[in-house]
């Protein structure tokens, strides 16, 4: 048995070990039942949020979309009486704080390498900072030339909003789906969880993505590689620490650095090709990072000990 259950909080594993089939039939049946209900509720919640997004283009649409997985997971736990402990909301001391520091730095390093290479080689073009709509809303709220205390408050408020949105997704993906995939005996559950997460974004990509010279399906496939790899990083942090917070921070930092800040320094049309979530350079770096993160042995914890 390689999976920590209610009486076993942690166990030494490698990525390959997580694919070993569990012979605990009741555990597998319970996990599969939970996954089925989770996916059904996810379709309903995401469909309603996507309809609202396309119909209104409201500033709260991203919040509703990102909380769809969380709502589906919380409803599943409540309906099936699964309990709340393995949501893993505790921090867990030095191990978790080290993982949070890594989660903050990783997207920044990826952005500096990918965008720096693109700008230095002419694959993309650096322009004066032009904030995204969501970031622009925050800047206008505080003022473009605010004093440093207000600027600091802007940064804290902006990242706090990203954390709130990311928490909604992580309650579903790494706070519920990942551990249930493992319990259900799904092969390569870390990769599968990242793949499901990336495919969840596809409907809106095909419905809303602008055409930048390359087929949308190609951009969607590159996006799939990037986000699946990012999901592997988040899964490793969640499993190794037993806490959901490192994956929440990584998710929020990714959206802050890649989606909001560095994309706002790119000329229109550049992002879809080489940088951004559908950029080849970002995808290549993320594949390398995912491979590095999944190497070797580590302890995976259902929740903080």
Protein backbone atom coordinates (compact mmCIF):
# COMPACT_ATOMS: atom_id res chain seq x y z
CA UNK A 1 0.00 0.00 0.00
CA UNK A 2 1.51 3.29 -1.13
CA UNK A 3 -1.28 5.70 -0.35
CA UNK A 4 -1.66 7.48 2.99
CA UNK A 5 -5.15 6.98 4.31
CA UNK A 6 -6.95 8.10 7.45
CA UNK A 7 -4.53 6.28 9.72
CA UNK A 8 -1.42 7.05 7.69
CA UNK A 9 -0.58 10.67 7.14
CA UNK A 10 2.48 10.33 4.92
CA UNK A 11 4.45 7.79 2.91
CA UNK A 12 7.60 7.87 0.79
CA UNK A 13 6.78 7.71 -2.93
CA UNK A 14 8.02 8.63 -6.38
CA UNK A 15 5.89 9.79 -9.28
CA UNK A 16 5.85 6.24 -10.62
CA UNK A 17 4.66 4.87 -7.26
CA UNK A 18 1.52 6.99 -7.47
CA UNK A 19 0.48 4.91 -10.49
CA UNK A 20 0.54 1.62 -8.59
CA UNK A 21 -2.97 0.22 -8.32
CA UNK A 22 -4.47 0.15 -4.86
CA UNK A 23 -6.15 -3.10 -3.78
CA UNK A 24 -8.37 -1.34 -1.23
CA UNK A 25 -11.64 -1.84 -3.12
CA UNK A 26 -13.88 0.25 -0.81
CA UNK A 27 -11.44 3.17 -0.99
CA UNK A 28 -11.32 3.01 -4.78
CA UNK A 29 -15.10 2.78 -5.06
CA UNK A 30 -15.60 5.73 -2.73
CA UNK A 31 -13.05 7.84 -4.63
CA UNK A 32 -14.62 7.03 -7.99
CA UNK A 33 -18.08 7.88 -6.70
CA UNK A 34 -16.75 11.20 -5.42
CA UNK A 35 -15.02 11.95 -8.73
CA UNK A 36 -18.18 11.22 -10.70
CA UNK A 37 -20.26 13.60 -8.62
CA UNK A 38 -17.49 16.21 -8.63
CA UNK A 39 -17.25 16.18 -12.43
CA UNK A 40 -21.03 16.40 -12.83
CA UNK A 41 -21.24 19.37 -10.48
CA UNK A 42 -18.18 20.92 -12.13
CA UNK A 43 -19.91 20.85 -15.52
CA UNK A 44 -22.98 22.55 -14.08
CA UNK A 45 -21.09 25.20 -12.10
CA UNK A 46 -18.62 25.93 -14.91
CA UNK A 47 -21.38 26.08 -17.51
CA UNK A 48 -23.32 28.65 -15.53
CA UNK A 49 -20.19 30.71 -14.87
CA UNK A 50 -19.13 30.56 -18.53
CA UNK A 51 -22.60 31.64 -19.66
CA UNK A 52 -22.45 34.60 -17.29
CA UNK A 53 -18.97 35.49 -18.54
CA UNK A 54 -19.94 35.45 -22.21
CA UNK A 55 -23.24 37.22 -21.60
CA UNK A 56 -22.08 40.05 -19.36
CA UNK A 57 -18.27 40.40 -19.62
CA UNK A 58 -18.49 41.45 -15.96
CA UNK A 59 -15.42 42.09 -13.81
CA UNK A 60 -16.63 39.37 -11.44
CA UNK A 61 -16.80 36.72 -14.17
CA UNK A 62 -13.26 35.45 -13.51
CA UNK A 63 -14.13 35.02 -9.83
CA UNK A 64 -17.21 32.94 -10.69
CA UNK A 65 -15.28 30.80 -13.16
CA UNK A 66 -12.37 30.14 -10.85
CA UNK A 67 -14.64 29.24 -7.96
CA UNK A 68 -16.57 26.68 -10.03
CA UNK A 69 -14.16 23.81 -9.16
CA UNK A 70 -14.15 24.85 -5.51
CA UNK A 71 -17.94 24.96 -5.31
CA UNK A 72 -18.17 21.57 -7.03
CA UNK A 73 -15.69 20.06 -4.56
CA UNK A 74 -17.34 21.55 -1.48
CA UNK A 75 -20.78 20.38 -2.63
CA UNK A 76 -19.40 16.89 -3.30
CA UNK A 77 -17.90 16.68 0.17
CA UNK A 78 -21.16 17.84 1.72
CA UNK A 79 -23.44 15.55 -0.29
CA UNK A 80 -21.28 12.44 0.24
CA UNK A 81 -20.37 13.30 3.87
CA UNK A 82 -16.66 12.98 3.07
CA UNK A 83 -15.45 15.43 5.67
CA UNK A 84 -13.26 18.48 5.33
CA UNK A 85 -9.88 17.62 6.86
CA UNK A 86 -8.05 16.65 3.68
CA UNK A 87 -8.82 20.00 2.09
CA UNK A 88 -5.54 20.75 3.90
CA UNK A 89 -6.02 24.35 4.96
CA UNK A 90 -3.33 24.19 7.67
CA UNK A 91 0.10 25.63 6.89
CA UNK A 92 2.38 23.03 8.44
CA UNK A 93 5.45 24.97 9.50
CA UNK A 94 8.82 25.38 7.78
CA UNK A 95 8.15 22.78 5.07
CA UNK A 96 5.10 24.67 3.85
CA UNK A 97 6.70 28.11 4.09
CA UNK A 98 9.68 26.90 2.03
CA UNK A 99 7.28 25.57 -0.59
CA UNK A 100 5.41 28.89 -0.61
CA UNK A 101 8.68 30.76 -1.24
CA UNK A 102 9.41 28.41 -4.14
CA UNK A 103 5.87 28.93 -5.42
CA UNK A 104 6.34 32.70 -5.43
CA UNK A 105 9.68 32.59 -7.22
CA UNK A 106 8.97 29.96 -9.88
CA UNK A 107 6.59 32.00 -12.10
CA UNK A 108 8.87 35.03 -11.84
CA UNK A 109 11.88 33.01 -12.98
CA UNK A 110 9.89 31.46 -15.85
CA UNK A 111 8.68 34.90 -16.91
CA UNK A 112 12.15 36.46 -16.79
CA UNK A 113 13.68 33.64 -18.82
CA UNK A 114 10.91 33.24 -21.42
CA UNK A 115 10.07 36.89 -21.95
CA UNK A 116 13.68 37.99 -21.63
CA UNK A 117 14.70 35.56 -24.38
CA UNK A 118 11.77 36.58 -26.57
CA UNK A 119 12.48 40.29 -26.20
CA UNK A 120 16.24 39.96 -26.68
CA UNK A 121 15.87 37.90 -29.87
CA UNK A 122 13.02 39.86 -31.42
CA UNK A 123 10.48 37.06 -31.10
CA UNK A 124 8.38 39.48 -29.04
CA UNK A 125 8.58 43.20 -28.54
CA UNK A 126 8.87 45.00 -25.22
CA UNK A 127 6.54 47.99 -24.88
CA UNK A 128 5.77 50.44 -22.06
CA UNK A 129 3.64 48.82 -19.39
CA UNK A 130 -0.02 48.64 -20.42
CA UNK A 131 -2.10 47.02 -17.67
CA UNK A 132 -4.70 44.36 -18.32
CA UNK A 133 -8.35 45.29 -17.65
CA UNK A 134 -8.33 43.75 -14.18
CA UNK A 135 -5.01 45.33 -13.21
CA UNK A 136 -6.07 48.61 -14.81
CA UNK A 137 -9.21 48.61 -12.69
CA UNK A 138 -7.09 48.33 -9.54
CA UNK A 139 -4.68 51.05 -10.67
CA UNK A 140 -7.52 53.45 -11.48
CA UNK A 141 -9.03 52.73 -8.09
CA UNK A 142 -5.88 53.84 -6.26
CA UNK A 143 -4.57 56.31 -8.82
CA UNK A 144 -1.78 55.91 -11.36
CA UNK A 145 0.66 58.15 -9.46
CA UNK A 146 -0.24 57.17 -5.93
CA UNK A 147 2.22 57.62 -3.06
CA UNK A 148 4.18 54.56 -1.97
CA UNK A 149 1.81 53.55 0.86
CA UNK A 150 -1.07 53.43 -1.62
CA UNK A 151 1.13 51.66 -4.16
CA UNK A 152 1.99 49.03 -1.56
CA UNK A 153 -1.69 48.72 -0.72
CA UNK A 154 -2.43 48.29 -4.43
CA UNK A 155 0.09 45.44 -4.70
CA UNK A 156 -1.26 43.73 -1.59
CA UNK A 157 -4.86 44.16 -2.72
CA UNK A 158 -4.14 42.90 -6.22
CA UNK A 159 -2.30 39.79 -5.05
CA UNK A 160 -4.95 39.15 -2.40
CA UNK A 161 -7.60 39.16 -5.13
CA UNK A 162 -5.50 36.69 -7.14
CA UNK A 163 -5.18 34.51 -4.02
CA UNK A 164 -8.95 34.51 -3.50
CA UNK A 165 -9.56 33.49 -7.11
CA UNK A 166 -6.83 30.84 -7.04
CA UNK A 167 -8.20 29.36 -3.81
CA UNK A 168 -11.45 28.63 -5.60
CA UNK A 169 -9.73 26.52 -8.23
CA UNK A 170 -7.31 24.84 -5.86
CA UNK A 171 -10.10 23.69 -3.51
CA UNK A 172 -11.32 21.68 -6.47
CA UNK A 173 -8.22 20.58 -8.37
CA UNK A 174 -5.55 19.92 -5.73
CA UNK A 175 -7.82 20.07 -2.68
CA UNK A 176 -10.15 17.34 -3.94
CA UNK A 177 -9.65 15.91 -7.42
CA UNK A 178 -5.95 15.07 -7.12
CA UNK A 179 -6.21 12.93 -3.99
CA UNK A 180 -9.33 11.19 -5.32
CA UNK A 181 -7.55 10.33 -8.56
CA UNK A 182 -4.80 8.73 -6.48
CA UNK A 183 -7.27 6.85 -4.28
CA UNK A 184 -9.18 5.66 -7.35
CA UNK A 185 -6.04 4.03 -8.76
CA UNK A 186 -5.87 6.26 -11.85
CA UNK A 187 -2.50 5.81 -13.63
CA UNK A 188 -0.20 8.86 -13.49
CA UNK A 189 -2.67 10.85 -11.36
CA UNK A 190 -0.45 13.93 -11.17
CA UNK A 191 -0.28 14.26 -14.95
CA UNK A 192 -3.95 13.36 -15.36
CA UNK A 193 -4.97 16.02 -12.84
CA UNK A 194 -2.99 18.65 -14.74
CA UNK A 195 -4.45 17.49 -18.04
CA UNK A 196 -8.02 17.75 -16.74
CA UNK A 197 -7.28 21.20 -15.35
CA UNK A 198 -5.92 22.43 -18.67
CA UNK A 199 -8.79 20.93 -20.71
CA UNK A 200 -11.27 22.67 -18.42
CA UNK A 201 -10.04 25.97 -19.91
CA UNK A 202 -10.54 24.90 -23.53
CA UNK A 203 -14.19 25.90 -24.12
CA UNK A 204 -13.52 29.55 -23.32
CA UNK A 205 -10.24 29.47 -25.26
CA UNK A 206 -12.07 28.42 -28.42
CA UNK A 207 -14.96 30.82 -27.78
CA UNK A 208 -12.99 33.92 -26.85
CA UNK A 209 -9.36 33.58 -28.03
CA UNK A 210 -8.34 36.16 -30.68
CA UNK A 211 -6.68 34.92 -33.85
CA UNK A 212 -3.02 36.00 -33.88
CA UNK A 213 -1.81 34.29 -37.04
CA UNK A 214 -1.62 30.73 -35.72
CA UNK A 215 -4.63 28.38 -35.55
CA UNK A 216 -6.50 28.58 -32.26
CA UNK A 217 -6.27 24.80 -31.92
CA UNK A 218 -2.47 25.05 -32.00
CA UNK A 219 -2.46 27.73 -29.30
CA UNK A 220 -4.87 25.61 -27.25
CA UNK A 221 -2.54 22.61 -27.49
CA UNK A 222 0.47 24.67 -26.38
CA UNK A 223 -1.66 26.01 -23.54
CA UNK A 224 -2.49 22.41 -22.61
CA UNK A 225 1.22 21.55 -22.36
CA UNK A 226 1.93 24.65 -20.25
CA UNK A 227 -0.93 24.26 -17.80
CA UNK A 228 -0.56 20.49 -17.48
CA UNK A 229 3.07 21.08 -16.54
CA UNK A 230 2.08 23.81 -14.10
CA UNK A 231 -0.43 21.38 -12.61
CA UNK A 232 2.38 18.89 -12.02
CA UNK A 233 4.30 21.53 -10.05
CA UNK A 234 1.25 22.42 -8.00
CA UNK A 235 0.46 18.76 -7.34
CA UNK A 236 3.98 18.07 -6.10
CA UNK A 237 3.82 21.01 -3.69
CA UNK A 238 0.39 19.98 -2.45
CA UNK A 239 1.33 16.33 -1.92
CA UNK A 240 4.74 16.93 -0.39
CA UNK A 241 3.61 19.56 2.12
CA UNK A 242 0.13 18.21 2.85
CA UNK A 243 -1.10 21.80 2.58
CA UNK A 244 -3.11 23.41 -0.18
CA UNK A 245 -1.51 26.83 0.31
CA UNK A 246 1.68 26.35 -1.73
CA UNK A 247 -0.40 25.40 -4.77
CA UNK A 248 -2.71 28.38 -4.15
CA UNK A 249 0.29 30.74 -3.99
CA UNK A 250 1.85 29.23 -7.12
CA UNK A 251 -1.45 29.60 -8.98
CA UNK A 252 -1.86 33.22 -7.84
CA UNK A 253 1.77 34.10 -8.59
CA UNK A 254 1.47 32.55 -12.04
CA UNK A 255 -1.59 34.63 -12.87
CA UNK A 256 0.05 37.75 -11.45
CA UNK A 257 3.41 37.51 -13.22
CA UNK A 258 2.61 35.68 -16.47
CA UNK A 259 -0.99 36.64 -17.20
CA UNK A 260 -1.13 40.16 -15.79
CA UNK A 261 2.29 41.81 -15.52
CA UNK A 262 4.59 40.39 -18.21
CA UNK A 263 1.83 40.06 -20.81
CA UNK A 264 1.17 43.77 -20.26
CA UNK A 265 4.71 44.46 -21.52
CA UNK A 266 4.15 42.67 -24.83
CA UNK A 267 2.97 44.20 -28.09
CA UNK A 268 -0.38 42.92 -29.40
CA UNK A 269 0.04 39.61 -31.19
CA UNK A 270 3.33 38.62 -29.58
CA UNK A 271 1.89 36.76 -26.61
CA UNK A 272 0.15 33.94 -28.47
CA UNK A 273 3.28 32.80 -30.31
CA UNK A 274 6.21 32.69 -27.92
CA UNK A 275 5.19 33.98 -24.52
CA UNK A 276 2.13 33.84 -22.33
CA UNK A 277 0.28 30.68 -21.40
CA UNK A 278 0.07 29.66 -25.08
CA UNK A 279 3.67 30.59 -25.84
CA UNK A 280 6.21 28.03 -26.99
CA UNK A 281 9.02 29.37 -24.80
CA UNK A 282 6.90 29.27 -21.65
CA UNK A 283 5.64 25.78 -22.52
CA UNK A 284 9.18 24.46 -23.05
CA UNK A 285 10.37 25.86 -19.72
CA UNK A 286 7.37 24.42 -17.90
CA UNK A 287 7.95 20.93 -19.33
CA UNK A 288 11.52 21.02 -18.04
CA UNK A 289 10.37 22.23 -14.62
CA UNK A 290 7.67 19.56 -14.41
CA UNK A 291 10.25 16.87 -15.18
CA UNK A 292 12.56 18.23 -12.48
CA UNK A 293 9.75 18.47 -9.93
CA UNK A 294 8.57 14.90 -10.47
CA UNK A 295 11.98 13.24 -10.22
CA UNK A 296 13.15 11.26 -7.23
CA UNK A 297 11.45 10.23 -4.01
CA UNK A 298 9.34 12.39 -1.74
CA UNK A 299 6.79 11.99 1.02
CA UNK A 300 3.22 12.69 0.09
CA UNK A 301 0.85 13.78 2.79
CA UNK A 302 -2.92 13.69 2.72
CA UNK A 303 -2.96 16.63 5.12
CA UNK A 304 -0.58 18.48 7.43
CA UNK A 305 0.71 16.29 10.24
